[in-house]
């Protein structure tokens, strides 16, 4: 009785290759399906009658992906009331915008409907924190007599760790 030590039979090799290709395609499909819906990069929407939240996205930082996931959750609730915009710092227009507003990577800027800056904060903020930030900033803008420091502004006390 002889042992077979040569290459595997042709049909067996093709089954392994096919299974590997199906596995890779499945993993890629899951990755694509779990990506958040694309964010608008049109910064000219700021000041067009609807408040806007701008995130300075840096593809080299993990926090950027985490922040966009949180923004996607908040967008499910606030999509009608707020523009969710991304300023990709790899683009020249976003770099200019970043310089004009003296901002840094992974910062979030909240603009009023008229384009005035309401709040500036550093990411990472959860969806819940974004909802609070938006509602407090609008309360402060609409009711200037009771101006209070938003809980997550860069200049005030923060309840975040």
N, C-alpha and C. Protein backbone atom coordinates (compact mmCIF):
# COMPACT_ATOMS: atom_id res chain seq x y z
N UNK A 1 0.84 -1.18 0.00
CA UNK A 1 0.00 0.00 0.00
C UNK A 1 0.88 1.24 0.00
N UNK A 2 0.65 2.11 -0.91
CA UNK A 2 1.44 3.32 -1.04
C UNK A 2 0.71 4.51 -0.43
N UNK A 3 1.50 5.39 0.24
CA UNK A 3 0.92 6.64 0.77
C UNK A 3 1.00 7.70 -0.29
N UNK A 4 -0.01 8.49 -0.36
CA UNK A 4 -0.04 9.58 -1.33
C UNK A 4 0.53 10.83 -0.66
N UNK A 5 1.68 11.30 -1.08
CA UNK A 5 2.33 12.48 -0.47
C UNK A 5 2.36 13.66 -1.40
N UNK A 6 1.81 13.57 -2.53
CA UNK A 6 1.82 14.67 -3.50
C UNK A 6 0.75 15.70 -3.19
N UNK A 7 0.53 16.63 -4.11
CA UNK A 7 -0.48 17.67 -3.91
C UNK A 7 -1.89 17.07 -3.82
N UNK A 8 -2.76 17.82 -3.19
CA UNK A 8 -4.15 17.38 -3.04
C UNK A 8 -4.81 17.30 -4.40
N UNK A 9 -5.81 16.45 -4.49
CA UNK A 9 -6.53 16.36 -5.77
C UNK A 9 -7.12 17.71 -6.16
N UNK A 10 -7.25 17.96 -7.43
CA UNK A 10 -7.70 19.25 -7.95
C UNK A 10 -9.06 19.67 -7.40
N UNK A 11 -10.09 18.81 -7.36
CA UNK A 11 -11.38 19.28 -6.85
C UNK A 11 -11.30 19.73 -5.38
N UNK A 12 -10.50 19.07 -4.58
CA UNK A 12 -10.37 19.43 -3.17
C UNK A 12 -9.75 20.82 -3.01
N UNK A 13 -8.69 21.10 -3.79
CA UNK A 13 -8.04 22.42 -3.73
C UNK A 13 -9.02 23.51 -4.12
N UNK A 14 -9.86 23.30 -5.11
CA UNK A 14 -10.81 24.32 -5.54
C UNK A 14 -11.90 24.55 -4.51
N UNK A 15 -12.28 23.49 -3.78
CA UNK A 15 -13.26 23.67 -2.71
C UNK A 15 -12.68 24.54 -1.60
N UNK A 16 -11.44 24.34 -1.24
CA UNK A 16 -10.79 25.15 -0.20
C UNK A 16 -10.70 26.60 -0.67
N UNK A 17 -10.27 26.81 -1.89
CA UNK A 17 -10.17 28.17 -2.43
C UNK A 17 -11.53 28.84 -2.49
N UNK A 18 -12.53 28.11 -2.91
CA UNK A 18 -13.88 28.67 -2.97
C UNK A 18 -14.41 29.04 -1.60
N UNK A 19 -14.19 28.16 -0.62
CA UNK A 19 -14.64 28.45 0.74
C UNK A 19 -13.92 29.68 1.30
N UNK A 20 -12.64 29.80 1.00
CA UNK A 20 -11.87 30.96 1.46
C UNK A 20 -12.40 32.23 0.82
N UNK A 21 -12.68 32.18 -0.47
CA UNK A 21 -13.21 33.36 -1.17
C UNK A 21 -14.57 33.77 -0.61
N UNK A 22 -15.43 32.80 -0.32
CA UNK A 22 -16.75 33.10 0.25
C UNK A 22 -16.59 33.71 1.63
N UNK A 23 -15.67 33.18 2.44
CA UNK A 23 -15.42 33.72 3.79
C UNK A 23 -14.95 35.17 3.71
N UNK A 24 -13.99 35.45 2.84
CA UNK A 24 -13.46 36.81 2.69
C UNK A 24 -14.55 37.76 2.22
N UNK A 25 -15.35 37.33 1.26
CA UNK A 25 -16.45 38.17 0.77
C UNK A 25 -17.45 38.44 1.88
N UNK A 26 -17.74 37.44 2.70
CA UNK A 26 -18.66 37.63 3.82
C UNK A 26 -18.13 38.62 4.84
N UNK A 27 -16.86 38.54 5.17
CA UNK A 27 -16.26 39.47 6.12
C UNK A 27 -16.29 40.89 5.56
N UNK A 28 -15.97 41.06 4.30
CA UNK A 28 -16.02 42.38 3.67
C UNK A 28 -17.45 42.93 3.64
N UNK A 29 -18.42 42.09 3.36
CA UNK A 29 -19.81 42.53 3.34
C UNK A 29 -20.25 42.99 4.72
N UNK A 30 -19.87 42.25 5.76
CA UNK A 30 -20.20 42.66 7.13
C UNK A 30 -19.55 43.99 7.47
N UNK A 31 -18.32 44.18 7.07
CA UNK A 31 -17.62 45.44 7.35
C UNK A 31 -18.32 46.61 6.67
N UNK A 32 -18.72 46.44 5.43
CA UNK A 32 -19.39 47.51 4.69
C UNK A 32 -20.76 47.80 5.29
N UNK A 33 -21.49 46.77 5.67
CA UNK A 33 -22.82 46.97 6.23
C UNK A 33 -22.78 47.64 7.60
N UNK A 34 -21.69 47.50 8.33
CA UNK A 34 -21.58 48.11 9.65
C UNK A 34 -21.01 49.52 9.63
N UNK A 35 -20.60 50.01 8.48
CA UNK A 35 -20.10 51.37 8.39
C UNK A 35 -21.25 52.35 8.54
N UNK A 36 -20.99 53.48 9.23
CA UNK A 36 -22.06 54.47 9.33
C UNK A 36 -22.34 55.10 7.97
N UNK A 37 -23.58 55.56 7.80
CA UNK A 37 -23.95 56.24 6.57
C UNK A 37 -23.02 57.42 6.37
N UNK A 38 -22.63 57.68 5.16
CA UNK A 38 -21.69 58.75 4.88
C UNK A 38 -22.12 60.10 5.41
N UNK A 39 -21.14 60.88 5.85
CA UNK A 39 -21.40 62.22 6.35
C UNK A 39 -21.08 63.23 5.27
N UNK A 40 -21.81 64.32 5.30
CA UNK A 40 -21.63 65.41 4.34
C UNK A 40 -20.34 66.16 4.66
N UNK A 41 -19.59 66.53 3.64
CA UNK A 41 -18.37 67.32 3.82
C UNK A 41 -18.54 68.74 3.28
N UNK A 42 -19.75 69.11 2.93
CA UNK A 42 -20.02 70.43 2.37
C UNK A 42 -20.16 71.46 3.51
N UNK A 43 -19.07 72.12 3.84
CA UNK A 43 -19.04 73.07 4.96
C UNK A 43 -19.80 74.36 4.64
N UNK A 44 -20.19 74.55 3.40
CA UNK A 44 -20.96 75.74 3.06
C UNK A 44 -22.39 75.67 3.60
N UNK A 45 -22.79 74.54 4.14
CA UNK A 45 -24.12 74.40 4.75
C UNK A 45 -24.22 75.12 6.09
N UNK A 46 -23.08 75.52 6.63
CA UNK A 46 -23.07 76.24 7.90
C UNK A 46 -23.68 77.62 7.67
N UNK A 47 -24.62 77.99 8.52
CA UNK A 47 -25.25 79.31 8.41
C UNK A 47 -26.35 79.40 7.38
N UNK A 48 -26.92 78.27 7.00
CA UNK A 48 -27.97 78.28 5.97
C UNK A 48 -29.36 78.06 6.57
N UNK A 49 -29.52 78.41 7.85
CA UNK A 49 -30.84 78.32 8.46
C UNK A 49 -31.06 77.09 9.31
N UNK A 50 -30.07 76.24 9.41
CA UNK A 50 -30.17 75.03 10.23
C UNK A 50 -28.86 74.89 11.00
N UNK A 51 -28.91 74.61 12.30
CA UNK A 51 -27.66 74.44 13.06
C UNK A 51 -26.80 73.33 12.45
N UNK A 52 -25.50 73.40 12.70
CA UNK A 52 -24.58 72.42 12.13
C UNK A 52 -23.55 71.98 13.17
N UNK A 53 -23.27 70.69 13.17
CA UNK A 53 -22.21 70.13 14.00
C UNK A 53 -21.10 69.69 13.07
N UNK A 54 -19.90 70.23 13.27
CA UNK A 54 -18.76 69.91 12.42
C UNK A 54 -17.74 69.15 13.24
N UNK A 55 -17.30 68.01 12.71
CA UNK A 55 -16.26 67.21 13.35
C UNK A 55 -15.03 67.21 12.46
N UNK A 56 -13.87 67.51 13.05
CA UNK A 56 -12.61 67.51 12.30
C UNK A 56 -12.05 66.10 12.31
N UNK A 57 -12.25 65.41 11.20
CA UNK A 57 -11.95 63.99 11.06
C UNK A 57 -10.52 63.79 10.59
N UNK A 58 -9.78 62.93 11.31
CA UNK A 58 -8.43 62.54 10.93
C UNK A 58 -8.42 61.03 10.76
N UNK A 59 -8.26 60.57 9.52
CA UNK A 59 -8.34 59.13 9.24
C UNK A 59 -7.24 58.33 9.92
N UNK A 60 -6.21 58.99 10.41
CA UNK A 60 -5.11 58.29 11.09
C UNK A 60 -5.39 58.04 12.57
N UNK A 61 -6.49 58.55 13.09
CA UNK A 61 -6.79 58.41 14.51
C UNK A 61 -8.02 57.52 14.72
N UNK A 62 -7.89 56.56 15.61
CA UNK A 62 -9.00 55.66 15.93
C UNK A 62 -10.18 56.44 16.49
N UNK A 63 -9.90 57.48 17.26
CA UNK A 63 -10.97 58.27 17.88
C UNK A 63 -11.90 58.87 16.83
N UNK A 64 -11.37 59.14 15.64
CA UNK A 64 -12.21 59.69 14.57
C UNK A 64 -13.30 58.71 14.17
N UNK A 65 -12.95 57.45 14.03
CA UNK A 65 -13.94 56.43 13.68
C UNK A 65 -14.94 56.24 14.81
N UNK A 66 -14.47 56.26 16.04
CA UNK A 66 -15.37 56.12 17.18
C UNK A 66 -16.35 57.30 17.23
N UNK A 67 -15.83 58.51 16.98
CA UNK A 67 -16.69 59.69 17.04
C UNK A 67 -17.73 59.67 15.93
N UNK A 68 -17.37 59.23 14.74
CA UNK A 68 -18.36 59.19 13.66
C UNK A 68 -19.46 58.17 13.97
N UNK A 69 -19.11 57.07 14.65
CA UNK A 69 -20.15 56.11 15.05
C UNK A 69 -21.13 56.75 16.04
N UNK A 70 -20.60 57.52 16.99
CA UNK A 70 -21.45 58.21 17.96
C UNK A 70 -22.30 59.28 17.28
N UNK A 71 -21.70 59.99 16.33
CA UNK A 71 -22.46 61.00 15.59
C UNK A 71 -23.57 60.35 14.77
N UNK A 72 -23.31 59.16 14.25
CA UNK A 72 -24.32 58.45 13.48
C UNK A 72 -25.52 58.09 14.36
N UNK A 73 -25.25 57.70 15.61
CA UNK A 73 -26.34 57.40 16.54
C UNK A 73 -27.15 58.67 16.84
N UNK A 74 -26.47 59.77 17.07
CA UNK A 74 -27.16 61.04 17.36
C UNK A 74 -27.93 61.52 16.13
N UNK A 75 -27.39 61.25 14.96
CA UNK A 75 -28.04 61.69 13.72
C UNK A 75 -29.39 61.02 13.53
N UNK A 76 -29.54 59.80 14.05
CA UNK A 76 -30.83 59.11 13.94
C UNK A 76 -31.93 59.93 14.62
N UNK A 77 -31.57 60.68 15.67
CA UNK A 77 -32.54 61.47 16.42
C UNK A 77 -32.63 62.90 15.91
N UNK A 78 -31.48 63.48 15.54
CA UNK A 78 -31.42 64.91 15.23
C UNK A 78 -31.29 65.25 13.75
N UNK A 79 -31.44 64.30 12.88
CA UNK A 79 -31.20 64.54 11.45
C UNK A 79 -32.03 65.68 10.89
N UNK A 80 -33.24 65.85 11.37
CA UNK A 80 -34.12 66.91 10.86
C UNK A 80 -33.73 68.28 11.42
N UNK A 81 -33.07 68.31 12.57
CA UNK A 81 -32.79 69.57 13.26
C UNK A 81 -31.36 70.07 13.11
N UNK A 82 -30.46 69.24 12.61
CA UNK A 82 -29.04 69.57 12.66
C UNK A 82 -28.29 68.96 11.48
N UNK A 83 -27.43 69.78 10.84
CA UNK A 83 -26.52 69.26 9.82
C UNK A 83 -25.37 68.56 10.54
N UNK A 84 -25.06 67.34 10.16
CA UNK A 84 -23.91 66.63 10.68
C UNK A 84 -22.84 66.66 9.58
N UNK A 85 -21.80 67.42 9.80
CA UNK A 85 -20.78 67.64 8.78
C UNK A 85 -19.41 67.12 9.25
N UNK A 86 -18.63 66.68 8.29
CA UNK A 86 -17.28 66.22 8.55
C UNK A 86 -16.32 67.13 7.81
N UNK A 87 -15.30 67.60 8.53
CA UNK A 87 -14.20 68.35 7.91
C UNK A 87 -13.00 67.40 7.92
N UNK A 88 -12.78 66.74 6.81
CA UNK A 88 -11.68 65.78 6.68
C UNK A 88 -10.38 66.56 6.55
N UNK A 89 -9.53 66.46 7.57
CA UNK A 89 -8.34 67.31 7.59
C UNK A 89 -7.34 66.98 6.49
N UNK A 90 -7.60 65.93 5.73
CA UNK A 90 -6.77 65.62 4.57
C UNK A 90 -7.13 66.46 3.35
N UNK A 91 -8.22 67.20 3.43
CA UNK A 91 -8.67 68.02 2.31
C UNK A 91 -8.26 69.48 2.54
N UNK A 92 -7.83 70.18 1.49
CA UNK A 92 -7.39 71.57 1.65
C UNK A 92 -8.48 72.51 2.18
N UNK A 93 -9.74 72.33 1.74
CA UNK A 93 -10.81 73.21 2.22
C UNK A 93 -11.05 73.01 3.71
N UNK A 94 -10.92 71.79 4.19
CA UNK A 94 -11.10 71.53 5.62
C UNK A 94 -9.93 72.09 6.43
N UNK A 95 -8.73 72.03 5.88
CA UNK A 95 -7.57 72.60 6.57
C UNK A 95 -7.72 74.11 6.71
N UNK A 96 -8.21 74.76 5.66
CA UNK A 96 -8.45 76.21 5.70
C UNK A 96 -9.53 76.53 6.74
N UNK A 97 -10.60 75.77 6.75
CA UNK A 97 -11.68 75.96 7.71
C UNK A 97 -11.16 75.76 9.15
N UNK A 98 -10.31 74.78 9.31
CA UNK A 98 -9.71 74.49 10.62
C UNK A 98 -8.86 75.67 11.09
N UNK A 99 -8.10 76.26 10.20
CA UNK A 99 -7.28 77.43 10.54
C UNK A 99 -8.15 78.64 10.84
N UNK A 100 -9.18 78.85 10.06
CA UNK A 100 -10.07 80.00 10.27
C UNK A 100 -10.73 79.95 11.64
N UNK A 101 -11.03 78.76 12.11
CA UNK A 101 -11.72 78.61 13.39
C UNK A 101 -10.78 78.20 14.52
N UNK A 102 -9.48 78.23 14.23
CA UNK A 102 -8.45 77.90 15.22
C UNK A 102 -8.80 76.60 15.94
N UNK A 103 -9.05 75.58 15.16
CA UNK A 103 -9.47 74.29 15.70
C UNK A 103 -8.35 73.27 15.58
N UNK A 104 -8.56 72.16 16.26
CA UNK A 104 -7.59 71.06 16.25
C UNK A 104 -8.27 69.79 15.77
N UNK A 105 -7.46 68.78 15.49
CA UNK A 105 -8.00 67.49 15.07
C UNK A 105 -8.94 66.95 16.15
N UNK A 106 -9.95 66.27 15.72
CA UNK A 106 -10.98 65.62 16.54
C UNK A 106 -11.82 66.58 17.37
N UNK A 107 -11.79 67.86 17.05
CA UNK A 107 -12.68 68.80 17.74
C UNK A 107 -14.05 68.79 17.08
N UNK A 108 -15.04 69.15 17.88
CA UNK A 108 -16.41 69.31 17.41
C UNK A 108 -16.80 70.76 17.58
N UNK A 109 -17.34 71.35 16.52
CA UNK A 109 -17.83 72.73 16.59
C UNK A 109 -19.33 72.70 16.31
N UNK A 110 -20.07 73.38 17.15
CA UNK A 110 -21.52 73.48 16.97
C UNK A 110 -21.84 74.90 16.55
N UNK A 111 -22.48 75.04 15.40
CA UNK A 111 -22.84 76.34 14.85
C UNK A 111 -24.35 76.53 14.91
N UNK A 112 -24.76 77.76 15.17
CA UNK A 112 -26.17 78.12 15.16
C UNK A 112 -26.67 78.18 13.72
N UNK A 113 -27.96 78.32 13.57
CA UNK A 113 -28.56 78.39 12.24
C UNK A 113 -28.02 79.57 11.43
N UNK A 114 -27.63 80.66 12.12
CA UNK A 114 -27.09 81.83 11.43
C UNK A 114 -25.59 81.73 11.17
N UNK A 115 -24.96 80.64 11.58
CA UNK A 115 -23.54 80.42 11.33
C UNK A 115 -22.62 80.84 12.46
N UNK A 116 -23.17 81.39 13.55
CA UNK A 116 -22.33 81.77 14.68
C UNK A 116 -21.93 80.54 15.48
N UNK A 117 -20.71 80.55 15.98
CA UNK A 117 -20.19 79.42 16.75
C UNK A 117 -20.82 79.41 18.13
N UNK A 118 -21.48 78.31 18.47
CA UNK A 118 -22.13 78.18 19.77
C UNK A 118 -21.25 77.46 20.79
N UNK A 119 -20.54 76.44 20.31
CA UNK A 119 -19.77 75.62 21.24
C UNK A 119 -18.63 74.92 20.52
N UNK A 120 -17.59 74.69 21.29
CA UNK A 120 -16.40 73.99 20.79
C UNK A 120 -16.01 72.98 21.87
N UNK A 121 -15.80 71.76 21.46
CA UNK A 121 -15.41 70.73 22.42
C UNK A 121 -14.51 69.70 21.74
N UNK A 122 -13.81 68.98 22.53
CA UNK A 122 -12.91 67.94 22.04
C UNK A 122 -13.64 66.61 22.02
N UNK A 123 -13.47 65.81 20.93
CA UNK A 123 -14.05 64.47 20.90
C UNK A 123 -13.25 63.59 21.84
N UNK A 124 -13.75 62.63 22.27
CA UNK A 124 -14.82 61.74 21.93
C UNK A 124 -16.03 62.04 22.81
N UNK A 125 -17.16 62.27 22.18
CA UNK A 125 -18.42 62.48 22.88
C UNK A 125 -19.39 61.39 22.46
N UNK A 126 -20.12 60.86 23.43
CA UNK A 126 -21.12 59.85 23.12
C UNK A 126 -22.32 60.52 22.45
N UNK A 127 -23.19 59.71 21.90
CA UNK A 127 -24.40 60.23 21.27
C UNK A 127 -25.24 61.00 22.28
N UNK A 128 -25.32 60.49 23.50
CA UNK A 128 -26.10 61.15 24.54
C UNK A 128 -25.49 62.52 24.87
N UNK A 129 -24.18 62.58 24.97
CA UNK A 129 -23.52 63.86 25.24
C UNK A 129 -23.73 64.85 24.11
N UNK A 130 -23.76 64.36 22.88
CA UNK A 130 -24.02 65.24 21.73
C UNK A 130 -25.44 65.80 21.80
N UNK A 131 -26.39 64.97 22.20
CA UNK A 131 -27.78 65.44 22.33
C UNK A 131 -27.88 66.53 23.41
N UNK A 132 -27.19 66.33 24.52
CA UNK A 132 -27.20 67.32 25.61
C UNK A 132 -26.52 68.60 25.13
N UNK A 133 -25.39 68.46 24.46
CA UNK A 133 -24.66 69.62 23.95
C UNK A 133 -25.54 70.45 23.03
N UNK A 134 -26.23 69.79 22.12
CA UNK A 134 -27.09 70.48 21.17
C UNK A 134 -28.24 71.19 21.88
N UNK A 135 -28.92 70.50 22.78
CA UNK A 135 -30.07 71.11 23.45
C UNK A 135 -29.63 72.26 24.36
N UNK A 136 -28.51 72.11 25.08
CA UNK A 136 -28.05 73.18 25.96
C UNK A 136 -27.57 74.39 25.16
N UNK A 137 -26.90 74.15 24.07
CA UNK A 137 -26.42 75.27 23.24
C UNK A 137 -27.59 76.04 22.66
N UNK A 138 -28.62 75.35 22.23
CA UNK A 138 -29.79 76.05 21.69
C UNK A 138 -30.54 76.80 22.78
N UNK A 139 -30.63 76.22 23.98
CA UNK A 139 -31.28 76.91 25.10
C UNK A 139 -30.54 78.21 25.42
N UNK A 140 -29.22 78.16 25.43
CA UNK A 140 -28.40 79.33 25.72
C UNK A 140 -28.56 80.38 24.63
N UNK A 141 -28.60 79.95 23.38
CA UNK A 141 -28.74 80.88 22.25
C UNK A 141 -30.13 81.53 22.24
N UNK A 142 -31.15 80.75 22.53
CA UNK A 142 -32.52 81.26 22.49
C UNK A 142 -32.92 82.03 23.73
N UNK A 143 -32.23 81.83 24.84
CA UNK A 143 -32.58 82.47 26.10
C UNK A 143 -31.33 83.12 26.70
N UNK A 144 -30.86 84.25 26.15
CA UNK A 144 -29.60 84.85 26.60
C UNK A 144 -29.66 85.36 28.04
N UNK A 145 -30.83 85.58 28.63
CA UNK A 145 -30.93 86.07 30.00
C UNK A 145 -30.40 85.02 30.96
N UNK A 146 -30.69 83.76 30.69
CA UNK A 146 -30.24 82.69 31.59
C UNK A 146 -29.01 82.00 31.01
N UNK A 147 -28.07 82.79 30.52
CA UNK A 147 -26.86 82.19 29.96
C UNK A 147 -26.16 81.34 30.99
N UNK A 148 -26.00 80.10 30.65
CA UNK A 148 -25.27 79.20 31.52
C UNK A 148 -24.21 78.51 30.70
N UNK A 149 -23.16 78.08 31.35
CA UNK A 149 -22.06 77.43 30.66
C UNK A 149 -22.49 76.03 30.25
N UNK A 150 -22.43 75.67 28.95
CA UNK A 150 -22.78 74.32 28.56
C UNK A 150 -21.87 73.31 29.26
N UNK A 151 -22.41 72.16 29.58
CA UNK A 151 -21.71 71.18 30.39
C UNK A 151 -20.43 70.66 29.73
N UNK A 152 -20.35 70.70 28.41
CA UNK A 152 -19.20 70.09 27.75
C UNK A 152 -18.38 71.10 26.95
N UNK A 153 -18.48 72.38 27.28
CA UNK A 153 -17.70 73.36 26.52
C UNK A 153 -16.25 73.29 26.94
N UNK A 154 -15.38 73.79 26.11
CA UNK A 154 -13.95 73.73 26.39
C UNK A 154 -13.54 74.65 27.52
N UNK A 155 -14.34 75.63 27.85
CA UNK A 155 -13.94 76.59 28.88
C UNK A 155 -14.55 76.38 30.24
N UNK A 156 -15.55 75.51 30.34
CA UNK A 156 -16.26 75.35 31.60
C UNK A 156 -15.90 74.07 32.32
N UNK A 157 -16.61 73.83 33.37
CA UNK A 157 -16.39 72.59 34.09
C UNK A 157 -17.06 71.48 33.33
N UNK A 158 -16.46 70.35 33.37
CA UNK A 158 -16.97 69.22 32.61
C UNK A 158 -17.33 68.10 33.56
N UNK A 159 -18.42 67.42 33.24
CA UNK A 159 -18.81 66.26 34.02
C UNK A 159 -18.18 65.00 33.44
N UNK A 160 -17.44 65.14 32.38
CA UNK A 160 -16.79 63.99 31.75
C UNK A 160 -15.49 63.69 32.47
N UNK A 161 -15.07 62.41 32.53
CA UNK A 161 -13.81 62.04 33.18
C UNK A 161 -12.61 62.58 32.45
